[in-house]
């Protein structure tokens, strides 16, 4: 079983030059999950790419947090549809 790695939010924000308040807003909107241990907030290292993607969308394109949520939901739905399409294509190949 793989061991999950967590990173302290304040440390990550300092290294990535992202404001703590941005990550806190992501938590409040439910865009990223976090763990709280001993009054410190930690993020899963797998969420870092998602945080960086949302940070670029927010900073470069000026997309607000509601927009980020909508984009995340659409991407999630697209991935689900692609998975279903691949599954259906595999089933269809059986009949060809």
N, C-alpha and C. Protein backbone atom coordinates (compact mmCIF):
# COMPACT_ATOMS: atom_id res chain seq x y z
N UNK A 1 0.85 -1.18 0.00
CA UNK A 1 0.00 0.00 0.00
C UNK A 1 0.89 1.24 0.00
N UNK A 2 0.59 2.16 -0.88
CA UNK A 2 1.38 3.38 -0.99
C UNK A 2 1.10 4.31 0.19
N UNK A 3 2.16 4.93 0.64
CA UNK A 3 2.05 5.86 1.76
C UNK A 3 1.75 7.25 1.23
N UNK A 4 0.71 7.86 1.77
CA UNK A 4 0.35 9.20 1.34
C UNK A 4 1.32 10.21 1.93
N UNK A 5 1.68 11.20 1.12
CA UNK A 5 2.59 12.24 1.58
C UNK A 5 1.82 13.55 1.64
N UNK A 6 1.98 14.23 2.74
CA UNK A 6 1.33 15.52 2.94
C UNK A 6 2.39 16.60 3.08
N UNK A 7 2.02 17.77 2.60
CA UNK A 7 2.93 18.92 2.63
C UNK A 7 2.26 20.04 3.41
N UNK A 8 3.00 20.67 4.26
CA UNK A 8 2.50 21.80 5.05
C UNK A 8 2.14 22.94 4.11
N UNK A 9 0.93 23.45 4.22
CA UNK A 9 0.43 24.48 3.30
C UNK A 9 1.31 25.72 3.33
N UNK A 10 1.67 26.19 4.51
CA UNK A 10 2.47 27.42 4.59
C UNK A 10 3.84 27.23 3.93
N UNK A 11 4.41 26.04 4.07
CA UNK A 11 5.71 25.76 3.44
C UNK A 11 5.56 25.72 1.92
N UNK A 12 4.51 25.05 1.44
CA UNK A 12 4.28 24.97 0.00
C UNK A 12 4.05 26.36 -0.60
N UNK A 13 3.22 27.15 0.05
CA UNK A 13 2.91 28.49 -0.45
C UNK A 13 4.16 29.35 -0.53
N UNK A 14 5.02 29.22 0.46
CA UNK A 14 6.25 30.00 0.47
C UNK A 14 7.15 29.60 -0.70
N UNK A 15 7.30 28.29 -0.93
CA UNK A 15 8.16 27.80 -2.01
C UNK A 15 7.57 28.11 -3.39
N UNK A 16 6.25 27.98 -3.51
CA UNK A 16 5.60 28.18 -4.81
C UNK A 16 5.24 29.64 -5.07
N UNK A 17 5.45 30.50 -4.09
CA UNK A 17 5.12 31.92 -4.17
C UNK A 17 3.64 32.12 -4.47
N UNK A 18 2.84 31.38 -3.74
CA UNK A 18 1.38 31.49 -3.81
C UNK A 18 0.90 31.96 -2.45
N UNK A 19 -0.03 32.88 -2.44
CA UNK A 19 -0.54 33.39 -1.17
C UNK A 19 -1.32 32.31 -0.42
N UNK A 20 -1.15 32.28 0.90
CA UNK A 20 -1.90 31.33 1.73
C UNK A 20 -3.40 31.51 1.55
N UNK A 21 -3.83 32.75 1.37
CA UNK A 21 -5.26 33.02 1.23
C UNK A 21 -5.84 32.37 -0.02
N UNK A 22 -5.05 32.24 -1.09
CA UNK A 22 -5.53 31.59 -2.30
C UNK A 22 -5.84 30.12 -2.00
N UNK A 23 -4.92 29.45 -1.36
CA UNK A 23 -5.12 28.03 -1.02
C UNK A 23 -6.26 27.89 -0.03
N UNK A 24 -6.37 28.81 0.91
CA UNK A 24 -7.48 28.77 1.87
C UNK A 24 -8.82 28.90 1.15
N UNK A 25 -8.89 29.77 0.15
CA UNK A 25 -10.12 29.91 -0.63
C UNK A 25 -10.44 28.63 -1.41
N UNK A 26 -9.40 27.96 -1.89
CA UNK A 26 -9.63 26.67 -2.57
C UNK A 26 -10.25 25.67 -1.60
N UNK A 27 -9.79 25.69 -0.35
CA UNK A 27 -10.36 24.80 0.67
C UNK A 27 -11.83 25.16 0.91
N UNK A 28 -12.10 26.45 1.05
CA UNK A 28 -13.46 26.90 1.36
C UNK A 28 -14.45 26.56 0.25
N UNK A 29 -14.00 26.60 -1.00
CA UNK A 29 -14.87 26.27 -2.11
C UNK A 29 -14.91 24.77 -2.40
N UNK A 30 -14.16 24.00 -1.64
CA UNK A 30 -14.15 22.55 -1.81
C UNK A 30 -13.40 22.09 -3.04
N UNK A 31 -12.52 22.92 -3.55
CA UNK A 31 -11.76 22.57 -4.75
C UNK A 31 -10.56 21.68 -4.45
N UNK A 32 -10.07 21.75 -3.23
CA UNK A 32 -8.93 20.96 -2.80
C UNK A 32 -9.18 20.48 -1.38
N UNK A 33 -8.82 19.25 -1.11
CA UNK A 33 -8.97 18.70 0.23
C UNK A 33 -7.71 18.99 1.05
N UNK A 34 -7.87 18.98 2.35
CA UNK A 34 -6.72 19.20 3.23
C UNK A 34 -6.88 18.35 4.48
N UNK A 35 -5.77 18.19 5.17
CA UNK A 35 -5.74 17.49 6.45
C UNK A 35 -5.30 18.50 7.50
N UNK A 36 -5.94 18.46 8.64
CA UNK A 36 -5.54 19.35 9.73
C UNK A 36 -4.95 18.50 10.84
N UNK A 37 -3.71 18.81 11.19
CA UNK A 37 -3.01 18.09 12.26
C UNK A 37 -2.32 19.11 13.14
N UNK A 38 -2.65 19.08 14.41
CA UNK A 38 -2.02 19.96 15.39
C UNK A 38 -2.08 21.43 14.95
N UNK A 39 -3.24 21.87 14.54
CA UNK A 39 -3.51 23.25 14.11
C UNK A 39 -2.74 23.68 12.87
N UNK A 40 -2.17 22.74 12.14
CA UNK A 40 -1.51 23.03 10.87
C UNK A 40 -2.29 22.38 9.75
N UNK A 41 -2.31 23.03 8.59
CA UNK A 41 -3.01 22.50 7.43
C UNK A 41 -2.01 21.84 6.48
N UNK A 42 -2.39 20.67 6.00
CA UNK A 42 -1.55 19.91 5.08
C UNK A 42 -2.35 19.57 3.83
N UNK A 43 -1.65 19.55 2.69
CA UNK A 43 -2.27 19.12 1.44
C UNK A 43 -1.57 17.85 0.97
N UNK A 44 -2.30 17.02 0.26
CA UNK A 44 -1.74 15.82 -0.34
C UNK A 44 -0.86 16.26 -1.50
N UNK A 45 0.29 15.64 -1.66
CA UNK A 45 1.19 16.05 -2.74
C UNK A 45 0.58 15.83 -4.12
N UNK A 46 -0.40 14.93 -4.22
CA UNK A 46 -1.07 14.71 -5.50
C UNK A 46 -1.93 15.90 -5.91
N UNK A 47 -2.31 16.76 -4.96
CA UNK A 47 -3.14 17.92 -5.27
C UNK A 47 -2.33 19.13 -5.74
N UNK A 48 -1.03 19.04 -5.71
CA UNK A 48 -0.19 20.18 -6.06
C UNK A 48 -0.40 20.60 -7.51
N UNK A 49 -0.46 19.65 -8.42
CA UNK A 49 -0.67 20.01 -9.82
C UNK A 49 -2.02 20.70 -10.02
N UNK A 50 -3.04 20.23 -9.28
CA UNK A 50 -4.37 20.85 -9.37
C UNK A 50 -4.33 22.28 -8.83
N UNK A 51 -3.63 22.49 -7.72
CA UNK A 51 -3.51 23.84 -7.14
C UNK A 51 -2.79 24.76 -8.11
N UNK A 52 -1.70 24.28 -8.71
CA UNK A 52 -0.95 25.11 -9.65
C UNK A 52 -1.77 25.44 -10.89
N UNK A 53 -2.55 24.47 -11.38
CA UNK A 53 -3.42 24.72 -12.54
C UNK A 53 -4.44 25.80 -12.20
N UNK A 54 -5.07 25.69 -11.04
CA UNK A 54 -6.08 26.67 -10.65
C UNK A 54 -5.45 28.04 -10.40
N UNK A 55 -4.24 28.05 -9.86
CA UNK A 55 -3.55 29.32 -9.63
C UNK A 55 -3.29 30.03 -10.96
N UNK A 56 -2.84 29.27 -11.97
CA UNK A 56 -2.59 29.88 -13.29
C UNK A 56 -3.88 30.40 -13.90
N UNK A 57 -4.95 29.61 -13.82
CA UNK A 57 -6.24 30.06 -14.35
C UNK A 57 -6.71 31.33 -13.65
N UNK A 58 -6.52 31.37 -12.34
CA UNK A 58 -6.96 32.52 -11.55
C UNK A 58 -6.12 33.75 -11.85
N UNK A 59 -4.81 33.58 -11.85
CA UNK A 59 -3.92 34.74 -12.06
C UNK A 59 -3.83 35.18 -13.52
N UNK A 60 -3.63 34.22 -14.41
CA UNK A 60 -3.40 34.57 -15.81
C UNK A 60 -4.68 34.98 -16.53
N UNK A 61 -5.79 34.30 -16.21
CA UNK A 61 -7.03 34.57 -16.92
C UNK A 61 -8.07 35.32 -16.08
N UNK A 62 -7.78 35.50 -14.81
CA UNK A 62 -8.69 36.25 -13.95
C UNK A 62 -9.98 35.49 -13.61
N UNK A 63 -9.92 34.18 -13.62
CA UNK A 63 -11.11 33.38 -13.33
C UNK A 63 -11.32 33.33 -11.82
N UNK A 64 -12.54 33.64 -11.39
CA UNK A 64 -12.83 33.64 -9.95
C UNK A 64 -13.03 32.21 -9.45
N UNK A 65 -13.25 32.06 -8.15
CA UNK A 65 -13.32 30.73 -7.54
C UNK A 65 -14.56 29.96 -7.98
N UNK A 66 -15.65 30.66 -8.25
CA UNK A 66 -16.84 29.99 -8.78
C UNK A 66 -16.54 29.43 -10.16
N UNK A 67 -15.81 30.20 -10.96
CA UNK A 67 -15.41 29.74 -12.29
C UNK A 67 -14.46 28.55 -12.22
N UNK A 68 -13.54 28.59 -11.27
CA UNK A 68 -12.63 27.46 -11.08
C UNK A 68 -13.40 26.19 -10.73
N UNK A 69 -14.42 26.36 -9.89
CA UNK A 69 -15.25 25.22 -9.51
C UNK A 69 -15.97 24.66 -10.73
N UNK A 70 -16.51 25.54 -11.56
CA UNK A 70 -17.21 25.10 -12.77
C UNK A 70 -16.26 24.38 -13.72
N UNK A 71 -15.06 24.91 -13.88
CA UNK A 71 -14.07 24.28 -14.76
C UNK A 71 -13.69 22.90 -14.23
N UNK A 72 -13.49 22.80 -12.93
CA UNK A 72 -13.13 21.51 -12.34
C UNK A 72 -14.24 20.49 -12.55
N UNK A 73 -15.49 20.91 -12.37
CA UNK A 73 -16.61 19.99 -12.57
C UNK A 73 -16.72 19.55 -14.03
N UNK A 74 -16.50 20.48 -14.96
CA UNK A 74 -16.56 20.13 -16.39
C UNK A 74 -15.44 19.17 -16.76
N UNK A 75 -14.23 19.40 -16.26
CA UNK A 75 -13.12 18.49 -16.54
C UNK A 75 -13.39 17.10 -15.98
N UNK A 76 -13.95 17.06 -14.80
CA UNK A 76 -14.29 15.78 -14.17
C UNK A 76 -15.32 15.03 -15.02
N UNK A 77 -16.31 15.76 -15.50
CA UNK A 77 -17.35 15.15 -16.33
C UNK A 77 -16.78 14.68 -17.67
N UNK A 78 -15.89 15.48 -18.25
CA UNK A 78 -15.26 15.08 -19.51
C UNK A 78 -14.44 13.81 -19.34
N UNK A 79 -13.72 13.70 -18.24
CA UNK A 79 -12.93 12.50 -17.99
C UNK A 79 -13.83 11.28 -17.85
N UNK A 80 -14.96 11.46 -17.18
CA UNK A 80 -15.91 10.36 -17.02
C UNK A 80 -16.48 9.95 -18.37
N UNK A 81 -16.84 10.92 -19.19
CA UNK A 81 -17.38 10.62 -20.51
C UNK A 81 -16.35 9.94 -21.40
N UNK A 82 -15.11 10.38 -21.32
CA UNK A 82 -14.04 9.74 -22.10
C UNK A 82 -13.85 8.29 -21.66
N UNK A 83 -13.93 8.05 -20.38
CA UNK A 83 -13.80 6.70 -19.86
C UNK A 83 -14.95 5.82 -20.36
N UNK A 84 -16.15 6.36 -20.31
CA UNK A 84 -17.31 5.61 -20.80
C UNK A 84 -17.19 5.35 -22.30
N UNK A 85 -16.72 6.33 -23.04
CA UNK A 85 -16.57 6.18 -24.48
C UNK A 85 -15.54 5.09 -24.79
N UNK A 86 -14.43 5.08 -24.08
CA UNK A 86 -13.42 4.05 -24.28
C UNK A 86 -13.97 2.66 -23.98
N UNK A 87 -14.74 2.58 -22.92
CA UNK A 87 -15.36 1.30 -22.55
C UNK A 87 -16.32 0.84 -23.64
N UNK A 88 -17.13 1.73 -24.15
CA UNK A 88 -18.07 1.38 -25.21
C UNK A 88 -17.36 1.00 -26.50
N UNK A 89 -16.25 1.68 -26.80
CA UNK A 89 -15.48 1.34 -27.99
C UNK A 89 -14.90 -0.07 -27.88
N UNK A 90 -14.44 -0.44 -26.69
CA UNK A 90 -13.90 -1.78 -26.48
C UNK A 90 -14.99 -2.83 -26.65
N UNK A 91 -16.18 -2.53 -26.13
CA UNK A 91 -17.30 -3.47 -26.28
C UNK A 91 -17.71 -3.58 -27.74
N UNK A 92 -17.69 -2.49 -28.45
CA UNK A 92 -18.08 -2.48 -29.85
C UNK A 92 -17.10 -3.30 -30.70
N UNK A 93 -15.82 -3.24 -30.35
CA UNK A 93 -14.81 -3.99 -31.10
C UNK A 93 -15.06 -5.50 -31.02
N UNK A 94 -15.70 -5.95 -29.97
CA UNK A 94 -16.02 -7.37 -29.83
C UNK A 94 -16.96 -7.83 -30.93
N UNK A 95 -17.81 -6.95 -31.44
CA UNK A 95 -18.81 -7.30 -32.43
C UNK A 95 -18.36 -7.04 -33.85
N UNK A 96 -17.19 -6.46 -34.01
CA UNK A 96 -16.70 -6.16 -35.37
C UNK A 96 -16.08 -7.39 -36.00
